[in-house]
Structure formats: C-alpha cells, structure tokens
Amino acid sequence: MISNLSLPVILIAVSAVTAADSMPQPGSYGFNWLDAESHCKKLTAKDLAPVKSCTISTNAFGLQFNSHVCKISSRIELMVYTTAAECKEALETMQANGP
C-alpha cells in the first residue's frame, strides 16, 4: 500500500521526467527552420538557454524522427534532433521542399 505522503512524491517525480523529456539536451543537433540559410550545429547549453519551452514532434518534414520544436523568438525556432545525421536529413528535406 502506498502511503499518503508517497503519492505526491511520485507525481512530482513523473512530472519532472516529463518536463525533462520536452527539452532537448546539450549535445543534440539543430537548426533554425525559419532561416533558409541555417545549418545543423551541435547545440550547447548556451544555445539552449533562451529556450522557454519545446514541443515534441515525430513527423517533422514528413520524416519519422523524434524532434523538438523550440521557439526562441519570432525569428528563431529550432528544430532539434538527437543525432547529426537526423538533423542533416531533416534540413536537406526542408530545403528541397522550400520555395
């Protein structure tokens, strides 16, 4: 039986894991999809510091990769991937379908 004190602790722990999953980690790769001249780069903690929130996508640009979409400003919205290869393929797909 779970004690009355254990339940709030469990709920807080689950919430923290969910929040951590919605933010990309330093060392992931991304580009600003609002800038046609953008390129993939390895993101540092400094690059990610201005990010307030991200959404998780599993189908950006028609690709079946997990990614984060992280808005920084009206001109900067990062598409973030776990690997450099996924980032490169997503960027090339976006550019091939652009105007």
PDB file of N, CA and C in Angstrom:
ATOM      1  N   MET A   1       0.828  -1.177   0.000  1.00  0.00           N
ATOM      2  CA  MET A   1       0.000   0.000   0.000  1.00  0.00           C
ATOM      3  C   MET A   1       0.882   1.254   0.000  1.00  0.00           C
ATOM      4  N   ILE A   2       0.519   2.198  -0.825  1.00  0.00           N
ATOM      5  CA  ILE A   2       1.277   3.451  -0.906  1.00  0.00           C
ATOM      6  C   ILE A   2       0.761   4.398   0.164  1.00  0.00           C
ATOM      7  N   SER A   3       1.684   4.968   0.919  1.00  0.00           N
ATOM      8  CA  SER A   3       1.260   5.900   1.964  1.00  0.00           C
ATOM      9  C   SER A   3       0.787   7.200   1.335  1.00  0.00           C
ATOM     10  N   ASN A   4       0.071   7.974   2.114  1.00  0.00           N
ATOM     11  CA  ASN A   4      -0.455   9.257   1.623  1.00  0.00           C
ATOM     12  C   ASN A   4       0.660  10.216   1.238  1.00  0.00           C
ATOM     13  N   LEU A   5       1.796  10.118   1.855  1.00  0.00           N
ATOM     14  CA  LEU A   5       2.913  11.005   1.534  1.00  0.00           C
ATOM     15  C   LEU A   5       3.643  10.564   0.277  1.00  0.00           C
ATOM     16  N   SER A   6       3.612   9.303  -0.060  1.00  0.00           N
ATOM     17  CA  SER A   6       4.329   8.790  -1.227  1.00  0.00           C
ATOM     18  C   SER A   6       3.711   9.244  -2.540  1.00  0.00           C
ATOM     19  N   LEU A   7       2.407   9.327  -2.609  1.00  0.00           N
ATOM     20  CA  LEU A   7       1.728   9.678  -3.854  1.00  0.00           C
ATOM     21  C   LEU A   7       2.152  11.042  -4.395  1.00  0.00           C
ATOM     22  N   PRO A   8       2.176  12.113  -3.591  1.00  0.00           N
ATOM     23  CA  PRO A   8       2.645  13.404  -4.133  1.00  0.00           C
ATOM     24  C   PRO A   8       4.088  13.352  -4.625  1.00  0.00           C
ATOM     25  N   VAL A   9       4.932  12.604  -3.930  1.00  0.00           N
ATOM     26  CA  VAL A   9       6.335  12.484  -4.342  1.00  0.00           C
ATOM     27  C   VAL A   9       6.425  11.779  -5.687  1.00  0.00           C
ATOM     28  N   ILE A  10       5.649  10.739  -5.877  1.00  0.00           N
ATOM     29  CA  ILE A  10       5.639  10.009  -7.146  1.00  0.00           C
ATOM     30  C   ILE A  10       5.146  10.912  -8.266  1.00  0.00           C
ATOM     31  N   LEU A  11       4.087  11.658  -8.026  1.00  0.00           N
ATOM     32  CA  LEU A  11       3.545  12.552  -9.056  1.00  0.00           C
ATOM     33  C   LEU A  11       4.536  13.642  -9.437  1.00  0.00           C
ATOM     34  N   ILE A  12       5.242  14.190  -8.474  1.00  0.00           N
ATOM     35  CA  ILE A  12       6.248  15.210  -8.763  1.00  0.00           C
ATOM     36  C   ILE A  12       7.382  14.601  -9.587  1.00  0.00           C
ATOM     37  N   ALA A  13       7.813  13.410  -9.250  1.00  0.00           N
ATOM     38  CA  ALA A  13       8.895  12.752  -9.994  1.00  0.00           C
ATOM     39  C   ALA A  13       8.478  12.493 -11.431  1.00  0.00           C
ATOM     40  N   VAL A  14       7.265  12.031 -11.653  1.00  0.00           N
ATOM     41  CA  VAL A  14       6.771  11.789 -13.016  1.00  0.00           C
ATOM     42  C   VAL A  14       6.707  13.091 -13.785  1.00  0.00           C
ATOM     43  N   SER A  15       6.249  14.165 -13.164  1.00  0.00           N
ATOM     44  CA  SER A  15       6.170  15.471 -13.821  1.00  0.00           C
ATOM     45  C   SER A  15       7.554  15.968 -14.214  1.00  0.00           C
ATOM     46  N   ALA A  16       8.531  15.765 -13.363  1.00  0.00           N
ATOM     47  CA  ALA A  16       9.892  16.211 -13.660  1.00  0.00           C
ATOM     48  C   ALA A  16      10.461  15.451 -14.844  1.00  0.00           C
ATOM     49  N   VAL A  17      10.211  14.164 -14.931  1.00  0.00           N
ATOM     50  CA  VAL A  17      10.700  13.371 -16.061  1.00  0.00           C
ATOM     51  C   VAL A  17      10.024  13.845 -17.338  1.00  0.00           C
ATOM     52  N   THR A  18       8.728  14.071 -17.312  1.00  0.00           N
ATOM     53  CA  THR A  18       8.001  14.544 -18.491  1.00  0.00           C
ATOM     54  C   THR A  18       8.527  15.898 -18.934  1.00  0.00           C
ATOM     55  N   ALA A  19       8.770  16.804 -18.007  1.00  0.00           N
ATOM     56  CA  ALA A  19       9.298  18.131 -18.359  1.00  0.00           C
ATOM     57  C   ALA A  19      10.694  18.012 -18.960  1.00  0.00           C
ATOM     58  N   ALA A  20      11.524  17.144 -18.408  1.00  0.00           N
ATOM     59  CA  ALA A  20      12.876  16.970 -18.936  1.00  0.00           C
ATOM     60  C   ALA A  20      12.838  16.405 -20.346  1.00  0.00           C
ATOM     61  N   ASP A  21      11.915  15.506 -20.626  1.00  0.00           N
ATOM     62  CA  ASP A  21      11.799  14.926 -21.958  1.00  0.00           C
ATOM     63  C   ASP A  21      11.394  15.960 -22.994  1.00  0.00           C
ATOM     64  N   SER A  22      10.697  17.023 -22.588  1.00  0.00           N
ATOM     65  CA  SER A  22      10.233  18.004 -23.553  1.00  0.00           C
ATOM     66  C   SER A  22      11.292  19.053 -23.879  1.00  0.00           C
ATOM     67  N   MET A  23      12.433  19.002 -23.233  1.00  0.00           N
ATOM     68  CA  MET A  23      13.522  19.930 -23.514  1.00  0.00           C
ATOM     69  C   MET A  23      14.723  19.163 -24.067  1.00  0.00           C
ATOM     70  N   PRO A  24      15.282  19.625 -25.181  1.00  0.00           N
ATOM     71  CA  PRO A  24      16.469  18.948 -25.720  1.00  0.00           C
ATOM     72  C   PRO A  24      17.675  19.169 -24.815  1.00  0.00           C
ATOM     73  N   GLN A  25      18.606  18.265 -24.908  1.00  0.00           N
ATOM     74  CA  GLN A  25      19.803  18.324 -24.071  1.00  0.00           C
ATOM     75  C   GLN A  25      20.980  18.910 -24.856  1.00  0.00           C
ATOM     76  N   PRO A  26      21.905  19.576 -24.179  1.00  0.00           N
ATOM     77  CA  PRO A  26      23.133  19.989 -24.854  1.00  0.00           C
ATOM     78  C   PRO A  26      23.788  18.766 -25.495  1.00  0.00           C
ATOM     79  N   GLY A  27      24.361  18.972 -26.665  1.00  0.00           N
ATOM     80  CA  GLY A  27      24.958  17.868 -27.405  1.00  0.00           C
ATOM     81  C   GLY A  27      24.037  17.348 -28.495  1.00  0.00           C
ATOM     82  N   SER A  28      22.776  17.802 -28.482  1.00  0.00           N
ATOM     83  CA  SER A  28      21.875  17.443 -29.580  1.00  0.00           C
ATOM     84  C   SER A  28      22.169  18.393 -30.747  1.00  0.00           C
ATOM     85  N   TYR A  29      21.527  18.156 -31.877  1.00  0.00           N
ATOM     86  CA  TYR A  29      21.830  18.914 -33.095  1.00  0.00           C
ATOM     87  C   TYR A  29      20.573  19.618 -33.585  1.00  0.00           C
ATOM     88  N   GLY A  30      20.738  20.847 -34.065  1.00  0.00           N
ATOM     89  CA  GLY A  30      19.565  21.579 -34.523  1.00  0.00           C
ATOM     90  C   GLY A  30      19.883  22.680 -35.495  1.00  0.00           C
ATOM     91  N   PHE A  31      18.801  23.242 -36.045  1.00  0.00           N
ATOM     92  CA  PHE A  31      18.895  24.374 -36.962  1.00  0.00           C
ATOM     93  C   PHE A  31      17.657  25.243 -36.799  1.00  0.00           C
ATOM     94  N   ASN A  32      17.768  26.492 -37.217  1.00  0.00           N
ATOM     95  CA  ASN A  32      16.652  27.427 -37.181  1.00  0.00           C
ATOM     96  C   ASN A  32      15.850  27.247 -38.461  1.00  0.00           C
ATOM     97  N   TRP A  33      14.714  26.610 -38.371  1.00  0.00           N
ATOM     98  CA  TRP A  33      13.961  26.301 -39.585  1.00  0.00           C
ATOM     99  C   TRP A  33      13.279  27.527 -40.180  1.00  0.00           C
ATOM    100  N   LEU A  34      13.306  28.670 -39.499  1.00  0.00           N
ATOM    101  CA  LEU A  34      12.756  29.912 -40.053  1.00  0.00           C
ATOM    102  C   LEU A  34      13.786  30.673 -40.883  1.00  0.00           C
ATOM    103  N   ASP A  35      15.018  30.170 -40.930  1.00  0.00           N
ATOM    104  CA  ASP A  35      16.111  30.808 -41.673  1.00  0.00           C
ATOM    105  C   ASP A  35      16.592  29.851 -42.763  1.00  0.00           C
ATOM    106  N   ALA A  36      16.356  30.220 -44.019  1.00  0.00           N
ATOM    107  CA  ALA A  36      16.734  29.353 -45.143  1.00  0.00           C
ATOM    108  C   ALA A  36      18.240  29.115 -45.218  1.00  0.00           C
ATOM    109  N   GLU A  37      19.031  29.987 -44.638  1.00  0.00           N
ATOM    110  CA  GLU A  37      20.493  29.853 -44.664  1.00  0.00           C
ATOM    111  C   GLU A  37      21.039  29.109 -43.442  1.00  0.00           C
ATOM    112  N   SER A  38      20.175  28.641 -42.572  1.00  0.00           N
ATOM    113  CA  SER A  38      20.601  27.953 -41.356  1.00  0.00           C
ATOM    114  C   SER A  38      21.291  26.635 -41.689  1.00  0.00           C
ATOM    115  N   HIS A  39      22.053  26.130 -40.746  1.00  0.00           N
ATOM    116  CA  HIS A  39      22.725  24.844 -40.912  1.00  0.00           C
ATOM    117  C   HIS A  39      22.678  24.085 -39.586  1.00  0.00           C
ATOM    118  N   CYS A  40      22.869  22.794 -39.642  1.00  0.00           N
ATOM    119  CA  CYS A  40      22.880  21.982 -38.427  1.00  0.00           C
ATOM    120  C   CYS A  40      24.127  22.303 -37.609  1.00  0.00           C
ATOM    121  N   LYS A  41      23.939  22.366 -36.317  1.00  0.00           N
ATOM    122  CA  LYS A  41      25.088  22.550 -35.435  1.00  0.00           C
ATOM    123  C   LYS A  41      24.842  21.809 -34.141  1.00  0.00           C
ATOM    124  N   LYS A  42      25.915  21.437 -33.500  1.00  0.00           N
ATOM    125  CA  LYS A  42      25.831  20.802 -32.182  1.00  0.00           C
ATOM    126  C   LYS A  42      25.487  21.895 -31.180  1.00  0.00           C
ATOM    127  N   LEU A  43      24.395  21.704 -30.471  1.00  0.00           N
ATOM    128  CA  LEU A  43      23.900  22.735 -29.571  1.00  0.00           C
ATOM    129  C   LEU A  43      24.534  22.626 -28.189  1.00  0.00           C
ATOM    130  N   THR A  44      24.880  23.774 -27.654  1.00  0.00           N
ATOM    131  CA  THR A  44      25.470  23.848 -26.319  1.00  0.00           C
ATOM    132  C   THR A  44      24.404  24.310 -25.320  1.00  0.00           C
ATOM    133  N   ALA A  45      24.745  24.255 -24.060  1.00  0.00           N
ATOM    134  CA  ALA A  45      23.836  24.763 -23.024  1.00  0.00           C
ATOM    135  C   ALA A  45      23.551  26.247 -23.265  1.00  0.00           C
ATOM    136  N   LYS A  46      24.540  26.989 -23.745  1.00  0.00           N
ATOM    137  CA  LYS A  46      24.349  28.418 -24.036  1.00  0.00           C
ATOM    138  C   LYS A  46      23.348  28.610 -25.176  1.00  0.00           C
ATOM    139  N   ASP A  47      23.413  27.757 -26.209  1.00  0.00           N
ATOM    140  CA  ASP A  47      22.457  27.837 -27.316  1.00  0.00           C
ATOM    141  C   ASP A  47      21.027  27.581 -26.844  1.00  0.00           C
ATOM    142  N   LEU A  48      20.889  26.668 -25.891  1.00  0.00           N
ATOM    143  CA  LEU A  48      19.563  26.255 -25.427  1.00  0.00           C
ATOM    144  C   LEU A  48      19.036  27.102 -24.270  1.00  0.00           C
ATOM    145  N   ALA A  49      19.880  27.937 -23.664  1.00  0.00           N
ATOM    146  CA  ALA A  49      19.473  28.738 -22.512  1.00  0.00           C
ATOM    147  C   ALA A  49      18.252  29.625 -22.775  1.00  0.00           C
ATOM    148  N   PRO A  50      18.119  30.266 -23.956  1.00  0.00           N
ATOM    149  CA  PRO A  50      16.959  31.125 -24.176  1.00  0.00           C
ATOM    150  C   PRO A  50      15.648  30.374 -24.418  1.00  0.00           C
ATOM    151  N   VAL A  51      15.716  29.061 -24.567  1.00  0.00           N
ATOM    152  CA  VAL A  51      14.517  28.261 -24.855  1.00  0.00           C
ATOM    153  C   VAL A  51      13.653  28.188 -23.599  1.00  0.00           C
ATOM    154  N   LYS A  52      12.391  28.584 -23.753  1.00  0.00           N
ATOM    155  CA  LYS A  52      11.449  28.519 -22.635  1.00  0.00           C
ATOM    156  C   LYS A  52      10.658  27.220 -22.653  1.00  0.00           C
ATOM    157  N   SER A  53      10.285  26.769 -23.840  1.00  0.00           N
ATOM    158  CA  SER A  53       9.535  25.516 -23.947  1.00  0.00           C
ATOM    159  C   SER A  53       9.694  24.949 -25.345  1.00  0.00           C
ATOM    160  N   CYS A  54       9.438  23.671 -25.427  1.00  0.00           N
ATOM    161  CA  CYS A  54       9.531  22.957 -26.698  1.00  0.00           C
ATOM    162  C   CYS A  54       8.330  22.025 -26.811  1.00  0.00           C
ATOM    163  N   THR A  55       8.023  21.683 -28.040  1.00  0.00           N
ATOM    164  CA  THR A  55       7.044  20.636 -28.267  1.00  0.00           C
ATOM    165  C   THR A  55       7.772  19.479 -28.943  1.00  0.00           C
ATOM    166  N   ILE A  56       7.265  18.301 -28.732  1.00  0.00           N
ATOM    167  CA  ILE A  56       7.879  17.114 -29.331  1.00  0.00           C
ATOM    168  C   ILE A  56       7.128  16.765 -30.596  1.00  0.00           C
ATOM    169  N   SER A  57       7.872  16.487 -31.649  1.00  0.00           N
ATOM    170  CA  SER A  57       7.295  16.107 -32.936  1.00  0.00           C
ATOM    171  C   SER A  57       7.865  14.753 -33.339  1.00  0.00           C
ATOM    172  N   THR A  58       7.045  13.948 -33.994  1.00  0.00           N
ATOM    173  CA  THR A  58       7.528  12.662 -34.501  1.00  0.00           C
ATOM    174  C   THR A  58       7.436  12.600 -36.019  1.00  0.00           C
ATOM    175  N   ASN A  59       7.126  13.746 -36.649  1.00  0.00           N
ATOM    176  CA  ASN A  59       6.915  13.705 -38.094  1.00  0.00           C
ATOM    177  C   ASN A  59       7.255  15.036 -38.764  1.00  0.00           C
ATOM    178  N   ALA A  60       8.293  15.700 -38.333  1.00  0.00           N
ATOM    179  CA  ALA A  60       8.662  16.965 -38.954  1.00  0.00           C
ATOM    180  C   ALA A  60       9.166  16.737 -40.370  1.00  0.00           C
ATOM    181  N   PHE A  61       8.690  17.533 -41.289  1.00  0.00           N
ATOM    182  CA  PHE A  61       9.087  17.476 -42.698  1.00  0.00           C
ATOM    183  C   PHE A  61       8.790  16.123 -43.333  1.00  0.00           C
ATOM    184  N   GLY A  62       7.850  15.374 -42.763  1.00  0.00           N
ATOM    185  CA  GLY A  62       7.482  14.074 -43.305  1.00  0.00           C
ATOM    186  C   GLY A  62       8.434  12.955 -42.920  1.00  0.00           C
ATOM    187  N   LEU A  63       9.416  13.252 -42.099  1.00  0.00           N
ATOM    188  CA  LEU A  63      10.382  12.242 -41.653  1.00  0.00           C
ATOM    189  C   LEU A  63       9.933  11.642 -40.328  1.00  0.00           C
ATOM    190  N   GLN A  64      10.180  10.384 -40.143  1.00  0.00           N
ATOM    191  CA  GLN A  64       9.759   9.697 -38.920  1.00  0.00           C
ATOM    192  C   GLN A  64      10.848   9.753 -37.843  1.00  0.00           C
ATOM    193  N   PHE A  65      11.317  10.961 -37.536  1.00  0.00           N
ATOM    194  CA  PHE A  65      12.312  11.165 -36.489  1.00  0.00           C
ATOM    195  C   PHE A  65      11.649  11.873 -35.320  1.00  0.00           C
ATOM    196  N   ASN A  66      12.083  11.557 -34.118  1.00  0.00           N
ATOM    197  CA  ASN A  66      11.664  12.338 -32.965  1.00  0.00           C
ATOM    198  C   ASN A  66      12.478  13.625 -32.977  1.00  0.00           C
ATOM    199  N   SER A  67      11.799  14.728 -32.770  1.00  0.00           N
ATOM    200  CA  SER A  67      12.485  16.012 -32.731  1.00  0.00           C
ATOM    201  C   SER A  67      11.792  16.917 -31.725  1.00  0.00           C
ATOM    202  N   HIS A  68      12.462  17.999 -31.411  1.00  0.00           N
ATOM    203  CA  HIS A  68      11.888  19.048 -30.569  1.00  0.00           C
ATOM    204  C   HIS A  68      11.763  20.298 -31.434  1.00  0.00           C
ATOM    205  N   VAL A  69      10.680  21.008 -31.269  1.00  0.00           N
ATOM    206  CA  VAL A  69      10.498  22.308 -31.902  1.00  0.00           C
ATOM    207  C   VAL A  69      10.535  23.324 -30.766  1.00  0.00           C
ATOM    208  N   CYS A  70      11.556  24.179 -30.775  1.00  0.00           N
ATOM    209  CA  CYS A  70      11.797  25.082 -29.651  1.00  0.00           C
ATOM    210  C   CYS A  70      11.803  26.536 -30.129  1.00  0.00           C
ATOM    211  N   LYS A  71      10.817  27.282 -29.693  1.00  0.00           N
ATOM    212  CA  LYS A  71      10.719  28.691 -30.093  1.00  0.00           C
ATOM    213  C   LYS A  71      11.570  29.546 -29.160  1.00  0.00           C
ATOM    214  N   ILE A  72      12.400  30.378 -29.777  1.00  0.00           N
ATOM    215  CA  ILE A  72      13.222  31.320 -29.019  1.00  0.00           C
ATOM    216  C   ILE A  72      12.686  32.740 -29.217  1.00  0.00           C
ATOM    217  N   SER A  73      12.324  33.071 -30.461  1.00  0.00           N
ATOM    218  CA  SER A  73      11.784  34.395 -30.768  1.00  0.00           C
ATOM    219  C   SER A  73      10.935  34.282 -32.032  1.00  0.00           C
ATOM    220  N   SER A  74      10.439  35.411 -32.511  1.00  0.00           N
ATOM    221  CA  SER A  74       9.631  35.385 -33.730  1.00  0.00           C
ATOM    222  C   SER A  74      10.462  35.032 -34.959  1.00  0.00           C
ATOM    223  N   ARG A  75      11.786  35.096 -34.849  1.00  0.00           N
ATOM    224  CA  ARG A  75      12.682  34.792 -35.978  1.00  0.00           C
ATOM    225  C   ARG A  75      13.518  33.534 -35.786  1.00  0.00           C
ATOM    226  N   ILE A  76      13.453  32.964 -34.589  1.00  0.00           N
ATOM    227  CA  ILE A  76      14.269  31.779 -34.307  1.00  0.00           C
ATOM    228  C   ILE A  76      13.396  30.686 -33.699  1.00  0.00           C
ATOM    229  N   GLU A  77      13.290  29.594 -34.430  1.00  0.00           N
ATOM    230  CA  GLU A  77      12.580  28.411 -33.953  1.00  0.00           C
ATOM    231  C   GLU A  77      13.435  27.202 -34.312  1.00  0.00           C
ATOM    232  N   LEU A  78      13.988  26.578 -33.301  1.00  0.00           N
ATOM    233  CA  LEU A  78      14.924  25.484 -33.530  1.00  0.00           C
ATOM    234  C   LEU A  78      14.213  24.154 -33.740  1.00  0.00           C
ATOM    235  N   MET A  79      14.672  23.415 -34.723  1.00  0.00           N
ATOM    236  CA  MET A  79      14.309  22.012 -34.901  1.00  0.00           C
ATOM    237  C   MET A  79      15.503  21.257 -34.344  1.00  0.00           C
ATOM    238  N   VAL A  80      15.282  20.427 -33.332  1.00  0.00           N
ATOM    239  CA  VAL A  80      16.387  19.783 -32.626  1.00  0.00           C
ATOM    240  C   VAL A  80      16.252  18.264 -32.718  1.00  0.00           C
ATOM    241  N   TYR A  81      17.353  17.620 -33.074  1.00  0.00           N
ATOM    242  CA  TYR A  81      17.411  16.168 -33.261  1.00  0.00           C
ATOM    243  C   TYR A  81      18.494  15.568 -32.382  1.00  0.00           C
ATOM    244  N   THR A  82      18.391  14.280 -32.135  1.00  0.00           N
ATOM    245  CA  THR A  82      19.358  13.578 -31.295  1.00  0.00           C
ATOM    246  C   THR A  82      20.710  13.448 -31.987  1.00  0.00           C
ATOM    247  N   THR A  83      20.712  13.176 -33.295  1.00  0.00           N
ATOM    248  CA  THR A  83      21.977  12.935 -34.000  1.00  0.00           C
ATOM    249  C   THR A  83      22.205  13.959 -35.113  1.00  0.00           C
ATOM    250  N   ALA A  84      23.457  14.095 -35.496  1.00  0.00           N
ATOM    251  CA  ALA A  84      23.816  14.975 -36.599  1.00  0.00           C
ATOM    252  C   ALA A  84      23.207  14.472 -37.906  1.00  0.00           C
ATOM    253  N   ALA A  85      23.162  13.158 -38.101  1.00  0.00           N
ATOM    254  CA  ALA A  85      22.607  12.579 -39.335  1.00  0.00           C
ATOM    255  C   ALA A  85      21.118  12.901 -39.478  1.00  0.00           C
ATOM    256  N   GLU A  86      20.360  12.790 -38.382  1.00  0.00           N
ATOM    257  CA  GLU A  86      18.931  13.130 -38.435  1.00  0.00           C
ATOM    258  C   GLU A  86      18.741  14.612 -38.731  1.00  0.00           C
ATOM    259  N   CYS A  87      19.541  15.441 -38.110  1.00  0.00           N
ATOM    260  CA  CYS A  87      19.468  16.886 -38.336  1.00  0.00           C
ATOM    261  C   CYS A  87      19.747  17.211 -39.802  1.00  0.00           C
ATOM    262  N   LYS A  88      20.792  16.619 -40.336  1.00  0.00           N
ATOM    263  CA  LYS A  88      21.176  16.869 -41.732  1.00  0.00           C
ATOM    264  C   LYS A  88      20.071  16.432 -42.693  1.00  0.00           C
ATOM    265  N   GLU A  89      19.500  15.250 -42.466  1.00  0.00           N
ATOM    266  CA  GLU A  89      18.440  14.776 -43.351  1.00  0.00           C
ATOM    267  C   GLU A  89      17.201  15.663 -43.271  1.00  0.00           C
ATOM    268  N   ALA A  90      16.853  16.118 -42.060  1.00  0.00           N
ATOM    269  CA  ALA A  90      15.697  16.997 -41.902  1.00  0.00           C
ATOM    270  C   ALA A  90      15.939  18.347 -42.587  1.00  0.00           C
ATOM    271  N   LEU A  91      17.123  18.903 -42.412  1.00  0.00           N
ATOM    272  CA  LEU A  91      17.451  20.182 -43.038  1.00  0.00           C
ATOM    273  C   LEU A  91      17.422  20.060 -44.567  1.00  0.00           C
ATOM    274  N   GLU A  92      18.017  19.003 -45.098  1.00  0.00           N
ATOM    275  CA  GLU A  92      18.032  18.810 -46.549  1.00  0.00           C
ATOM    276  C   GLU A  92      16.608  18.605 -47.090  1.00  0.00           C
ATOM    277  N   THR A  93      15.782  17.885 -46.355  1.00  0.00           N
ATOM    278  CA  THR A  93      14.385  17.683 -46.771  1.00  0.00           C
ATOM    279  C   THR A  93      13.642  19.003 -46.770  1.00  0.00           C
ATOM    280  N   MET A  94      13.822  19.798 -45.724  1.00  0.00           N
ATOM    281  CA  MET A  94      13.171  21.107 -45.644  1.00  0.00           C
ATOM    282  C   MET A  94      13.609  21.986 -46.817  1.00  0.00           C
ATOM    283  N   GLN A  95      14.904  22.046 -47.066  1.00  0.00           N
ATOM    284  CA  GLN A  95      15.427  22.888 -48.152  1.00  0.00           C
ATOM    285  C   GLN A  95      14.947  22.420 -49.519  1.00  0.00           C
ATOM    286  N   ALA A  96      14.842  21.118 -49.727  1.00  0.00           N
ATOM    287  CA  ALA A  96      14.391  20.574 -51.022  1.00  0.00           C
ATOM    288  C   ALA A  96      12.924  20.903 -51.287  1.00  0.00           C
ATOM    289  N   ASN A  97      12.160  21.088 -50.225  1.00  0.00           N
ATOM    290  CA  ASN A  97      10.735  21.390 -50.382  1.00  0.00           C
ATOM    291  C   ASN A  97      10.412  22.869 -50.232  1.00  0.00           C
ATOM    292  N   GLY A  98      11.446  23.686 -50.058  1.00  0.00           N
ATOM    293  CA  GLY A  98      11.229  25.126 -49.863  1.00  0.00           C
ATOM    294  C   GLY A  98      10.994  25.842 -51.178  1.00  0.00           C
ATOM    295  N   PRO A  99      10.662  27.115 -51.057  1.00  0.00           N
ATOM    296  CA  PRO A  99      10.410  27.932 -52.274  1.00  0.00           C
ATOM    297  C   PRO A  99      11.655  28.160 -53.103  1.00  0.00           C
TER     298      PRO A  99
END
